[in-house]
Amino acid sequence: QHNYSMSNIVKCTVMLTNINDFKAFNA
């Protein structure tokens, strides 16, 4: 919407309410 793309992303912070979901998130 602001004329950027996922390729502009250099850092993500992921917050999970269950750390056991980490593998599923990676997929």
PDB file of all heavy atoms in Angstrom:
ATOM      1  N   GLN A   1       0.822  -1.213   0.000  1.00  0.00           N
ATOM      2  CA  GLN A   1       0.000   0.000   0.000  1.00  0.00           C
ATOM      3  C   GLN A   1       0.855   1.262   0.000  1.00  0.00           C
ATOM      4  O   GLN A   1       0.399   2.320  -0.401  1.00  0.00           O
ATOM      5  CB  GLN A   1      -0.936   0.019   1.218  1.00  0.00           C
ATOM      6  CG  GLN A   1      -2.062  -0.966   1.126  1.00  0.00           C
ATOM      7  CD  GLN A   1      -2.856  -1.058   2.416  1.00  0.00           C
ATOM      8  OE1 GLN A   1      -2.358  -0.767   3.510  1.00  0.00           O
ATOM      9  NE2 GLN A   1      -4.100  -1.477   2.310  1.00  0.00           N
ATOM     10  N   HIS A   2       2.092   1.129   0.442  1.00  0.00           N
ATOM     11  CA  HIS A   2       3.005   2.272   0.502  1.00  0.00           C
ATOM     12  C   HIS A   2       4.148   2.128  -0.507  1.00  0.00           C
ATOM     13  O   HIS A   2       5.189   2.767  -0.369  1.00  0.00           O
ATOM     14  CB  HIS A   2       3.539   2.435   1.931  1.00  0.00           C
ATOM     15  CG  HIS A   2       2.453   2.719   2.920  1.00  0.00           C
ATOM     16  ND1 HIS A   2       1.792   3.923   2.977  1.00  0.00           N
ATOM     17  CD2 HIS A   2       1.885   1.934   3.864  1.00  0.00           C
ATOM     18  CE1 HIS A   2       0.878   3.868   3.920  1.00  0.00           C
ATOM     19  NE2 HIS A   2       0.904   2.685   4.477  1.00  0.00           N
ATOM     20  N   ASN A   3       3.935   1.264  -1.501  1.00  0.00           N
ATOM     21  CA  ASN A   3       4.897   1.044  -2.599  1.00  0.00           C
ATOM     22  C   ASN A   3       6.214   0.414  -2.160  1.00  0.00           C
ATOM     23  O   ASN A   3       7.266   0.719  -2.721  1.00  0.00           O
ATOM     24  CB  ASN A   3       5.132   2.336  -3.385  1.00  0.00           C
ATOM     25  CG  ASN A   3       3.845   2.846  -4.000  1.00  0.00           C
ATOM     26  OD1 ASN A   3       3.106   2.089  -4.617  1.00  0.00           O
ATOM     27  ND2 ASN A   3       3.561   4.118  -3.812  1.00  0.00           N
ATOM     28  N   TYR A   4       6.156  -0.456  -1.158  1.00  0.00           N
ATOM     29  CA  TYR A   4       7.304  -1.241  -0.728  1.00  0.00           C
ATOM     30  C   TYR A   4       6.949  -2.710  -0.863  1.00  0.00           C
ATOM     31  O   TYR A   4       5.818  -3.056  -1.209  1.00  0.00           O
ATOM     32  CB  TYR A   4       7.708  -0.905   0.713  1.00  0.00           C
ATOM     33  CG  TYR A   4       8.063   0.558   0.897  1.00  0.00           C
ATOM     34  CD1 TYR A   4       7.247   1.405   1.630  1.00  0.00           C
ATOM     35  CD2 TYR A   4       9.208   1.086   0.312  1.00  0.00           C
ATOM     36  CE1 TYR A   4       7.562   2.757   1.778  1.00  0.00           C
ATOM     37  CE2 TYR A   4       9.525   2.426   0.458  1.00  0.00           C
ATOM     38  CZ  TYR A   4       8.701   3.249   1.189  1.00  0.00           C
ATOM     39  OH  TYR A   4       9.014   4.572   1.324  1.00  0.00           O
ATOM     40  N   SER A   5       7.911  -3.596  -0.585  1.00  0.00           N
ATOM     41  CA  SER A   5       7.646  -5.027  -0.683  1.00  0.00           C
ATOM     42  C   SER A   5       8.357  -5.769   0.446  1.00  0.00           C
ATOM     43  O   SER A   5       9.155  -5.188   1.192  1.00  0.00           O
ATOM     44  CB  SER A   5       8.113  -5.559  -2.038  1.00  0.00           C
ATOM     45  OG  SER A   5       9.527  -5.583  -2.085  1.00  0.00           O
ATOM     46  N   MET A   6       8.094  -7.066   0.518  1.00  0.00           N
ATOM     47  CA  MET A   6       8.729  -7.893   1.532  1.00  0.00           C
ATOM     48  C   MET A   6      10.250  -7.878   1.385  1.00  0.00           C
ATOM     49  O   MET A   6      10.965  -8.069   2.364  1.00  0.00           O
ATOM     50  CB  MET A   6       8.204  -9.326   1.455  1.00  0.00           C
ATOM     51  CG  MET A   6       6.706  -9.463   1.734  1.00  0.00           C
ATOM     52  SD  MET A   6       6.239  -9.003   3.415  1.00  0.00           S
ATOM     53  CE  MET A   6       6.368 -10.582   4.231  1.00  0.00           C
ATOM     54  N   SER A   7      10.743  -7.624   0.194  1.00  0.00           N
ATOM     55  CA  SER A   7      12.198  -7.582  -0.001  1.00  0.00           C
ATOM     56  C   SER A   7      12.837  -6.375   0.684  1.00  0.00           C
ATOM     57  O   SER A   7      14.051  -6.344   0.854  1.00  0.00           O
ATOM     58  CB  SER A   7      12.540  -7.589  -1.494  1.00  0.00           C
ATOM     59  OG  SER A   7      12.077  -6.412  -2.112  1.00  0.00           O
ATOM     60  N   ASN A   8      12.038  -5.397   1.107  1.00  0.00           N
ATOM     61  CA  ASN A   8      12.560  -4.257   1.855  1.00  0.00           C
ATOM     62  C   ASN A   8      12.822  -4.594   3.326  1.00  0.00           C
ATOM     63  O   ASN A   8      13.522  -3.862   4.022  1.00  0.00           O
ATOM     64  CB  ASN A   8      11.597  -3.067   1.798  1.00  0.00           C
ATOM     65  CG  ASN A   8      11.535  -2.435   0.439  1.00  0.00           C
ATOM     66  OD1 ASN A   8      10.561  -2.609  -0.290  1.00  0.00           O
ATOM     67  ND2 ASN A   8      12.570  -1.706   0.067  1.00  0.00           N
ATOM     68  N   ILE A   9      12.269  -5.706   3.811  1.00  0.00           N
ATOM     69  CA  ILE A   9      12.383  -6.060   5.228  1.00  0.00           C
ATOM     70  C   ILE A   9      13.783  -6.593   5.534  1.00  0.00           C
ATOM     71  O   ILE A   9      14.289  -7.481   4.856  1.00  0.00           O
ATOM     72  CB  ILE A   9      11.323  -7.101   5.626  1.00  0.00           C
ATOM     73  CG1 ILE A   9       9.915  -6.541   5.399  1.00  0.00           C
ATOM     74  CG2 ILE A   9      11.503  -7.545   7.075  1.00  0.00           C
ATOM     75  CD1 ILE A   9       9.616  -5.267   6.154  1.00  0.00           C
ATOM     76  N   VAL A  10      14.401  -6.022   6.586  1.00  0.00           N
ATOM     77  CA  VAL A  10      15.735  -6.465   7.010  1.00  0.00           C
ATOM     78  C   VAL A  10      15.736  -7.071   8.413  1.00  0.00           C
ATOM     79  O   VAL A  10      16.703  -7.718   8.806  1.00  0.00           O
ATOM     80  CB  VAL A  10      16.767  -5.309   6.931  1.00  0.00           C
ATOM     81  CG1 VAL A  10      16.934  -4.832   5.497  1.00  0.00           C
ATOM     82  CG2 VAL A  10      16.393  -4.155   7.850  1.00  0.00           C
ATOM     83  N   LYS A  11      14.647  -6.881   9.184  1.00  0.00           N
ATOM     84  CA  LYS A  11      14.595  -7.390  10.566  1.00  0.00           C
ATOM     85  C   LYS A  11      13.150  -7.623  10.964  1.00  0.00           C
ATOM     86  O   LYS A  11      12.284  -6.793  10.678  1.00  0.00           O
ATOM     87  CB  LYS A  11      15.222  -6.359  11.521  1.00  0.00           C
ATOM     88  CG  LYS A  11      14.992  -6.610  13.010  1.00  0.00           C
ATOM     89  CD  LYS A  11      15.812  -7.777  13.540  1.00  0.00           C
ATOM     90  CE  LYS A  11      15.846  -7.857  15.049  1.00  0.00           C
ATOM     91  NZ  LYS A  11      14.698  -8.524  15.636  1.00  0.00           N
ATOM     92  N   CYS A  12      12.873  -8.765  11.578  1.00  0.00           N
ATOM     93  CA  CYS A  12      11.540  -9.067  12.110  1.00  0.00           C
ATOM     94  C   CYS A  12      11.663  -9.446  13.576  1.00  0.00           C
ATOM     95  O   CYS A  12      12.620 -10.121  13.975  1.00  0.00           O
ATOM     96  CB  CYS A  12      10.896 -10.231  11.364  1.00  0.00           C
ATOM     97  SG  CYS A  12      10.487  -9.905   9.656  1.00  0.00           S
ATOM     98  N   THR A  13      10.692  -9.024  14.344  1.00  0.00           N
ATOM     99  CA  THR A  13      10.560  -9.463  15.728  1.00  0.00           C
ATOM    100  C   THR A  13       9.244 -10.227  15.815  1.00  0.00           C
ATOM    101  O   THR A  13       8.193  -9.693  15.461  1.00  0.00           O
ATOM    102  CB  THR A  13      10.559  -8.277  16.702  1.00  0.00           C
ATOM    103  OG1 THR A  13      11.788  -7.555  16.527  1.00  0.00           O
ATOM    104  CG2 THR A  13      10.440  -8.746  18.143  1.00  0.00           C
ATOM    105  N   VAL A  14       9.321 -11.471  16.248  1.00  0.00           N
ATOM    106  CA  VAL A  14       8.169 -12.360  16.296  1.00  0.00           C
ATOM    107  C   VAL A  14       7.804 -12.605  17.756  1.00  0.00           C
ATOM    108  O   VAL A  14       8.667 -12.978  18.561  1.00  0.00           O
ATOM    109  CB  VAL A  14       8.493 -13.706  15.612  1.00  0.00           C
ATOM    110  CG1 VAL A  14       7.288 -14.635  15.638  1.00  0.00           C
ATOM    111  CG2 VAL A  14       8.995 -13.475  14.192  1.00  0.00           C
ATOM    112  N   MET A  15       6.550 -12.391  18.086  1.00  0.00           N
ATOM    113  CA  MET A  15       6.045 -12.641  19.437  1.00  0.00           C
ATOM    114  C   MET A  15       5.004 -13.750  19.362  1.00  0.00           C
ATOM    115  O   MET A  15       4.058 -13.653  18.583  1.00  0.00           O
ATOM    116  CB  MET A  15       5.441 -11.368  20.019  1.00  0.00           C
ATOM    117  CG  MET A  15       6.494 -10.276  20.253  1.00  0.00           C
ATOM    118  SD  MET A  15       5.812  -8.611  20.238  1.00  0.00           S
ATOM    119  CE  MET A  15       5.942  -8.225  18.480  1.00  0.00           C
ATOM    120  N   LEU A  16       5.215 -14.801  20.136  1.00  0.00           N
ATOM    121  CA  LEU A  16       4.344 -15.972  20.138  1.00  0.00           C
ATOM    122  C   LEU A  16       3.789 -16.183  21.541  1.00  0.00           C
ATOM    123  O   LEU A  16       4.543 -16.099  22.517  1.00  0.00           O
ATOM    124  CB  LEU A  16       5.127 -17.223  19.732  1.00  0.00           C
ATOM    125  CG  LEU A  16       5.903 -17.167  18.422  1.00  0.00           C
ATOM    126  CD1 LEU A  16       6.878 -18.331  18.325  1.00  0.00           C
ATOM    127  CD2 LEU A  16       4.940 -17.164  17.250  1.00  0.00           C
ATOM    128  N   THR A  17       2.508 -16.491  21.648  1.00  0.00           N
ATOM    129  CA  THR A  17       1.971 -16.797  22.978  1.00  0.00           C
ATOM    130  C   THR A  17       2.332 -18.212  23.404  1.00  0.00           C
ATOM    131  O   THR A  17       2.220 -18.546  24.578  1.00  0.00           O
ATOM    132  CB  THR A  17       0.441 -16.610  23.033  1.00  0.00           C
ATOM    133  OG1 THR A  17      -0.169 -17.453  22.064  1.00  0.00           O
ATOM    134  CG2 THR A  17       0.061 -15.148  22.806  1.00  0.00           C
ATOM    135  N   ASN A  18       2.796 -19.028  22.449  1.00  0.00           N
ATOM    136  CA  ASN A  18       3.262 -20.374  22.761  1.00  0.00           C
ATOM    137  C   ASN A  18       4.532 -20.632  21.948  1.00  0.00           C
ATOM    138  O   ASN A  18       4.466 -20.776  20.729  1.00  0.00           O
ATOM    139  CB  ASN A  18       2.183 -21.408  22.420  1.00  0.00           C
ATOM    140  CG  ASN A  18       2.580 -22.827  22.800  1.00  0.00           C
ATOM    141  OD1 ASN A  18       3.754 -23.127  23.035  1.00  0.00           O
ATOM    142  ND2 ASN A  18       1.593 -23.707  22.851  1.00  0.00           N
ATOM    143  N   ILE A  19       5.656 -20.690  22.598  1.00  0.00           N
ATOM    144  CA  ILE A  19       6.936 -20.862  21.897  1.00  0.00           C
ATOM    145  C   ILE A  19       6.983 -22.184  21.131  1.00  0.00           C
ATOM    146  O   ILE A  19       7.755 -22.329  20.176  1.00  0.00           O
ATOM    147  CB  ILE A  19       8.135 -20.715  22.870  1.00  0.00           C
ATOM    148  CG1 ILE A  19       9.425 -20.400  22.090  1.00  0.00           C
ATOM    149  CG2 ILE A  19       8.274 -21.933  23.750  1.00  0.00           C
ATOM    150  CD1 ILE A  19       9.438 -19.075  21.403  1.00  0.00           C
ATOM    151  N   ASN A  20       6.134 -23.131  21.486  1.00  0.00           N
ATOM    152  CA  ASN A  20       6.079 -24.394  20.751  1.00  0.00           C
ATOM    153  C   ASN A  20       5.537 -24.215  19.327  1.00  0.00           C
ATOM    154  O   ASN A  20       5.636 -25.129  18.509  1.00  0.00           O
ATOM    155  CB  ASN A  20       5.247 -25.429  21.506  1.00  0.00           C
ATOM    156  CG  ASN A  20       5.913 -25.838  22.812  1.00  0.00           C
ATOM    157  OD1 ASN A  20       7.142 -25.941  22.886  1.00  0.00           O
ATOM    158  ND2 ASN A  20       5.117 -26.046  23.842  1.00  0.00           N
ATOM    159  N   ASP A  21       4.980 -23.049  19.020  1.00  0.00           N
ATOM    160  CA  ASP A  21       4.505 -22.743  17.669  1.00  0.00           C
ATOM    161  C   ASP A  21       5.626 -22.246  16.760  1.00  0.00           C
ATOM    162  O   ASP A  21       5.397 -21.959  15.582  1.00  0.00           O
ATOM    163  CB  ASP A  21       3.390 -21.690  17.711  1.00  0.00           C
ATOM    164  CG  ASP A  21       2.096 -22.245  18.281  1.00  0.00           C
ATOM    165  OD1 ASP A  21       1.821 -23.443  18.074  1.00  0.00           O
ATOM    166  OD2 ASP A  21       1.354 -21.466  18.912  1.00  0.00           O
ATOM    167  N   PHE A  22       6.843 -22.156  17.278  1.00  0.00           N
ATOM    168  CA  PHE A  22       7.960 -21.600  16.511  1.00  0.00           C
ATOM    169  C   PHE A  22       8.224 -22.383  15.225  1.00  0.00           C
ATOM    170  O   PHE A  22       8.436 -21.806  14.164  1.00  0.00           O
ATOM    171  CB  PHE A  22       9.210 -21.543  17.387  1.00  0.00           C
ATOM    172  CG  PHE A  22      10.370 -20.859  16.746  1.00  0.00           C
ATOM    173  CD1 PHE A  22      10.313 -19.512  16.427  1.00  0.00           C
ATOM    174  CD2 PHE A  22      11.534 -21.561  16.448  1.00  0.00           C
ATOM    175  CE1 PHE A  22      11.390 -18.865  15.827  1.00  0.00           C
ATOM    176  CE2 PHE A  22      12.615 -20.921  15.849  1.00  0.00           C
ATOM    177  CZ  PHE A  22      12.531 -19.576  15.539  1.00  0.00           C
ATOM    178  N   LYS A  23       8.208 -23.696  15.284  1.00  0.00           N
ATOM    179  CA  LYS A  23       8.456 -24.519  14.098  1.00  0.00           C
ATOM    180  C   LYS A  23       7.376 -24.278  13.041  1.00  0.00           C
ATOM    181  O   LYS A  23       7.680 -24.114  11.858  1.00  0.00           O
ATOM    182  CB  LYS A  23       8.531 -25.993  14.473  1.00  0.00           C
ATOM    183  CG  LYS A  23       8.870 -26.897  13.318  1.00  0.00           C
ATOM    184  CD  LYS A  23       9.028 -28.341  13.768  1.00  0.00           C
ATOM    185  CE  LYS A  23       9.367 -29.227  12.579  1.00  0.00           C
ATOM    186  NZ  LYS A  23       9.544 -30.622  12.975  1.00  0.00           N
ATOM    187  N   ALA A  24       6.131 -24.229  13.461  1.00  0.00           N
ATOM    188  CA  ALA A  24       5.030 -23.965  12.524  1.00  0.00           C
ATOM    189  C   ALA A  24       5.163 -22.562  11.931  1.00  0.00           C
ATOM    190  O   ALA A  24       4.903 -22.357  10.737  1.00  0.00           O
ATOM    191  CB  ALA A  24       3.681 -24.125  13.232  1.00  0.00           C
ATOM    192  N   PHE A  25       5.593 -21.604  12.746  1.00  0.00           N
ATOM    193  CA  PHE A  25       5.788 -20.253  12.234  1.00  0.00           C
ATOM    194  C   PHE A  25       6.866 -20.240  11.155  1.00  0.00           C
ATOM    195  O   PHE A  25       6.701 -19.605  10.109  1.00  0.00           O
ATOM    196  CB  PHE A  25       6.144 -19.264  13.352  1.00  0.00           C
ATOM    197  CG  PHE A  25       6.315 -17.872  12.831  1.00  0.00           C
ATOM    198  CD1 PHE A  25       5.220 -17.074  12.578  1.00  0.00           C
ATOM    199  CD2 PHE A  25       7.575 -17.369  12.550  1.00  0.00           C
ATOM    200  CE1 PHE A  25       5.360 -15.800  12.042  1.00  0.00           C
ATOM    201  CE2 PHE A  25       7.738 -16.103  12.023  1.00  0.00           C
ATOM    202  CZ  PHE A  25       6.617 -15.309  11.779  1.00  0.00           C
ATOM    203  N   ASN A  26       7.973 -20.927  11.392  1.00  0.00           N
ATOM    204  CA  ASN A  26       9.056 -20.975  10.408  1.00  0.00           C
ATOM    205  C   ASN A  26       8.575 -21.510   9.062  1.00  0.00           C
ATOM    206  O   ASN A  26       8.973 -21.012   8.005  1.00  0.00           O
ATOM    207  CB  ASN A  26      10.217 -21.823  10.910  1.00  0.00           C
ATOM    208  CG  ASN A  26      11.165 -21.033  11.776  1.00  0.00           C
ATOM    209  OD1 ASN A  26      11.207 -19.814  11.730  1.00  0.00           O
ATOM    210  ND2 ASN A  26      11.925 -21.732  12.585  1.00  0.00           N
ATOM    211  N   ALA A  27       7.722 -22.524   9.080  1.00  0.00           N
ATOM    212  CA  ALA A  27       7.204 -23.100   7.838  1.00  0.00           C
ATOM    213  C   ALA A  27       6.411 -22.059   7.043  1.00  0.00           C
ATOM    214  O   ALA A  27       6.499 -22.005   5.812  1.00  0.00           O
ATOM    215  CB  ALA A  27       6.340 -24.316   8.145  1.00  0.00           C
TER     216      ALA A  27
END
